[in-house]
Amino acid sequence: MKLYLECMHPQTVNQQDSRLEKVKRFIDENPQERYIPVQLAETAELSEKYLRCLFKLHYGVTPLDYHKQTRMNYARFLLAECGHSIKH
């Protein structure tokens, strides 16, 4: 699918990749935040459905699943490296 899109609309694919990177970076830099799909879609300037499809195609998971993974990794880091407790 991506190869097809690149052949048909190379500038569009590059623009979408940068939008997906923007969403990914937004999540990575703020793992403690809670997001709703519309917030992430607004960050990418895409519809919720289109963002979900493109993100999954590009990264293998939906934006919200990626966010859950990122939150869990952040929590593990806080527990292991910073000495925080679960109550903290």
C-alpha atoms as a PDB file:
ATOM      1  CA  MET A   1       0.000   0.000   0.000  1.00  0.00           C
ATOM      2  CA  LYS A   2       2.714   2.468   0.977  1.00  0.00           C
ATOM      3  CA  LEU A   3       4.718   1.662  -2.154  1.00  0.00           C
ATOM      4  CA  TYR A   4       1.609   2.234  -4.238  1.00  0.00           C
ATOM      5  CA  LEU A   5       0.994   5.584  -2.548  1.00  0.00           C
ATOM      6  CA  GLU A   6       4.632   6.591  -3.015  1.00  0.00           C
ATOM      7  CA  CYS A   7       4.405   5.862  -6.727  1.00  0.00           C
ATOM      8  CA  MET A   8       1.141   7.683  -7.154  1.00  0.00           C
ATOM      9  CA  HIS A   9       1.663  10.613  -4.769  1.00  0.00           C
ATOM     10  CA  PRO A  10       5.252  10.804  -3.438  1.00  0.00           C
ATOM     11  CA  GLN A  11       4.839  14.238  -1.859  1.00  0.00           C
ATOM     12  CA  THR A  12       1.658  13.171  -0.078  1.00  0.00           C
ATOM     13  CA  VAL A  13       3.360  10.131   1.468  1.00  0.00           C
ATOM     14  CA  ASN A  14       6.293  12.227   2.716  1.00  0.00           C
ATOM     15  CA  GLN A  15       3.881  14.771   4.186  1.00  0.00           C
ATOM     16  CA  GLN A  16       1.912  11.989   5.884  1.00  0.00           C
ATOM     17  CA  ASP A  17       5.122  10.459   7.247  1.00  0.00           C
ATOM     18  CA  SER A  18       6.062  13.792   8.812  1.00  0.00           C
ATOM     19  CA  ARG A  19       2.583  14.074  10.309  1.00  0.00           C
ATOM     20  CA  LEU A  20       2.876  10.579  11.754  1.00  0.00           C
ATOM     21  CA  GLU A  21       6.302  11.439  13.159  1.00  0.00           C
ATOM     22  CA  LYS A  22       4.781  14.551  14.724  1.00  0.00           C
ATOM     23  CA  VAL A  23       2.143  12.434  16.502  1.00  0.00           C
ATOM     24  CA  LYS A  24       4.732   9.859  17.565  1.00  0.00           C
ATOM     25  CA  ARG A  25       7.043  12.567  18.920  1.00  0.00           C
ATOM     26  CA  PHE A  26       4.087  14.213  20.703  1.00  0.00           C
ATOM     27  CA  ILE A  27       3.320  10.915  22.459  1.00  0.00           C
ATOM     28  CA  ASP A  28       6.990  10.163  23.191  1.00  0.00           C
ATOM     29  CA  GLU A  29       7.574  13.580  24.754  1.00  0.00           C
ATOM     30  CA  ASN A  30       4.416  13.455  26.889  1.00  0.00           C
ATOM     31  CA  PRO A  31       3.849   9.825  27.920  1.00  0.00           C
ATOM     32  CA  GLN A  32       2.188  10.812  31.196  1.00  0.00           C
ATOM     33  CA  GLU A  33      -0.614  12.681  29.412  1.00  0.00           C
ATOM     34  CA  ARG A  34      -3.940  11.122  28.544  1.00  0.00           C
ATOM     35  CA  TYR A  35      -5.063  11.561  24.975  1.00  0.00           C
ATOM     36  CA  ILE A  36      -8.254  11.087  23.094  1.00  0.00           C
ATOM     37  CA  PRO A  37      -8.150  10.202  19.404  1.00  0.00           C
ATOM     38  CA  VAL A  38      -9.340  13.623  18.293  1.00  0.00           C
ATOM     39  CA  GLN A  39      -6.332  15.306  19.982  1.00  0.00           C
ATOM     40  CA  LEU A  40      -3.881  13.111  18.131  1.00  0.00           C
ATOM     41  CA  ALA A  41      -5.733  13.574  14.856  1.00  0.00           C
ATOM     42  CA  GLU A  42      -5.639  17.351  15.301  1.00  0.00           C
ATOM     43  CA  THR A  43      -1.890  17.163  15.913  1.00  0.00           C
ATOM     44  CA  ALA A  44      -1.486  15.376  12.574  1.00  0.00           C
ATOM     45  CA  GLU A  45      -4.111  17.481  10.811  1.00  0.00           C
ATOM     46  CA  LEU A  46      -5.801  14.261   9.700  1.00  0.00           C
ATOM     47  CA  SER A  47      -9.129  12.624  10.454  1.00  0.00           C
ATOM     48  CA  GLU A  48      -9.158  10.173  13.354  1.00  0.00           C
ATOM     49  CA  LYS A  49      -9.858   7.229  11.089  1.00  0.00           C
ATOM     50  CA  TYR A  50      -7.184   8.147   8.548  1.00  0.00           C
ATOM     51  CA  LEU A  51      -4.600   8.741  11.268  1.00  0.00           C
ATOM     52  CA  ARG A  52      -5.401   5.376  12.867  1.00  0.00           C
ATOM     53  CA  CYS A  53      -5.048   3.574   9.517  1.00  0.00           C
ATOM     54  CA  LEU A  54      -1.834   5.340   8.468  1.00  0.00           C
ATOM     55  CA  PHE A  55      -0.222   5.025  11.892  1.00  0.00           C
ATOM     56  CA  LYS A  56      -0.969   1.312  12.023  1.00  0.00           C
ATOM     57  CA  LEU A  57       0.315   0.837   8.487  1.00  0.00           C
ATOM     58  CA  HIS A  58       3.518   2.726   9.284  1.00  0.00           C
ATOM     59  CA  TYR A  59       4.240   1.555  12.878  1.00  0.00           C
ATOM     60  CA  GLY A  60       2.215  -1.656  13.206  1.00  0.00           C
ATOM     61  CA  VAL A  61       0.013  -0.356  16.047  1.00  0.00           C
ATOM     62  CA  THR A  62      -2.696   2.264  16.405  1.00  0.00           C
ATOM     63  CA  PRO A  63      -1.803   5.622  17.963  1.00  0.00           C
ATOM     64  CA  LEU A  64      -3.644   4.761  21.181  1.00  0.00           C
ATOM     65  CA  ASP A  65      -1.949   1.360  21.436  1.00  0.00           C
ATOM     66  CA  TYR A  66       1.397   3.071  20.879  1.00  0.00           C
ATOM     67  CA  HIS A  67       0.503   5.533  23.610  1.00  0.00           C
ATOM     68  CA  LYS A  68      -0.352   2.677  26.000  1.00  0.00           C
ATOM     69  CA  GLN A  69       3.002   1.023  25.257  1.00  0.00           C
ATOM     70  CA  THR A  70       4.823   4.306  25.779  1.00  0.00           C
ATOM     71  CA  ARG A  71       3.039   4.922  29.113  1.00  0.00           C
ATOM     72  CA  MET A  72       3.954   1.438  30.323  1.00  0.00           C
ATOM     73  CA  ASN A  73       7.602   1.929  29.331  1.00  0.00           C
ATOM     74  CA  TYR A  74       7.637   5.295  31.087  1.00  0.00           C
ATOM     75  CA  ALA A  75       6.152   3.740  34.241  1.00  0.00           C
ATOM     76  CA  ARG A  76       8.764   0.961  34.156  1.00  0.00           C
ATOM     77  CA  PHE A  77      11.485   3.593  33.827  1.00  0.00           C
ATOM     78  CA  LEU A  78      10.164   5.559  36.806  1.00  0.00           C
ATOM     79  CA  LEU A  79       9.981   2.420  38.954  1.00  0.00           C
ATOM     80  CA  ALA A  80      13.374   1.049  37.955  1.00  0.00           C
ATOM     81  CA  GLU A  81      15.545   4.114  37.489  1.00  0.00           C
ATOM     82  CA  CYS A  82      14.037   6.858  39.606  1.00  0.00           C
ATOM     83  CA  GLY A  83      13.066   4.884  42.687  1.00  0.00           C
ATOM     84  CA  HIS A  84       9.413   5.872  42.493  1.00  0.00           C
ATOM     85  CA  SER A  85       6.872   3.615  44.101  1.00  0.00           C
ATOM     86  CA  ILE A  86       3.582   2.578  42.585  1.00  0.00           C
ATOM     87  CA  LYS A  87       1.795   5.008  44.932  1.00  0.00           C
ATOM     88  CA  HIS A  88       3.914   7.919  43.669  1.00  0.00           C
END
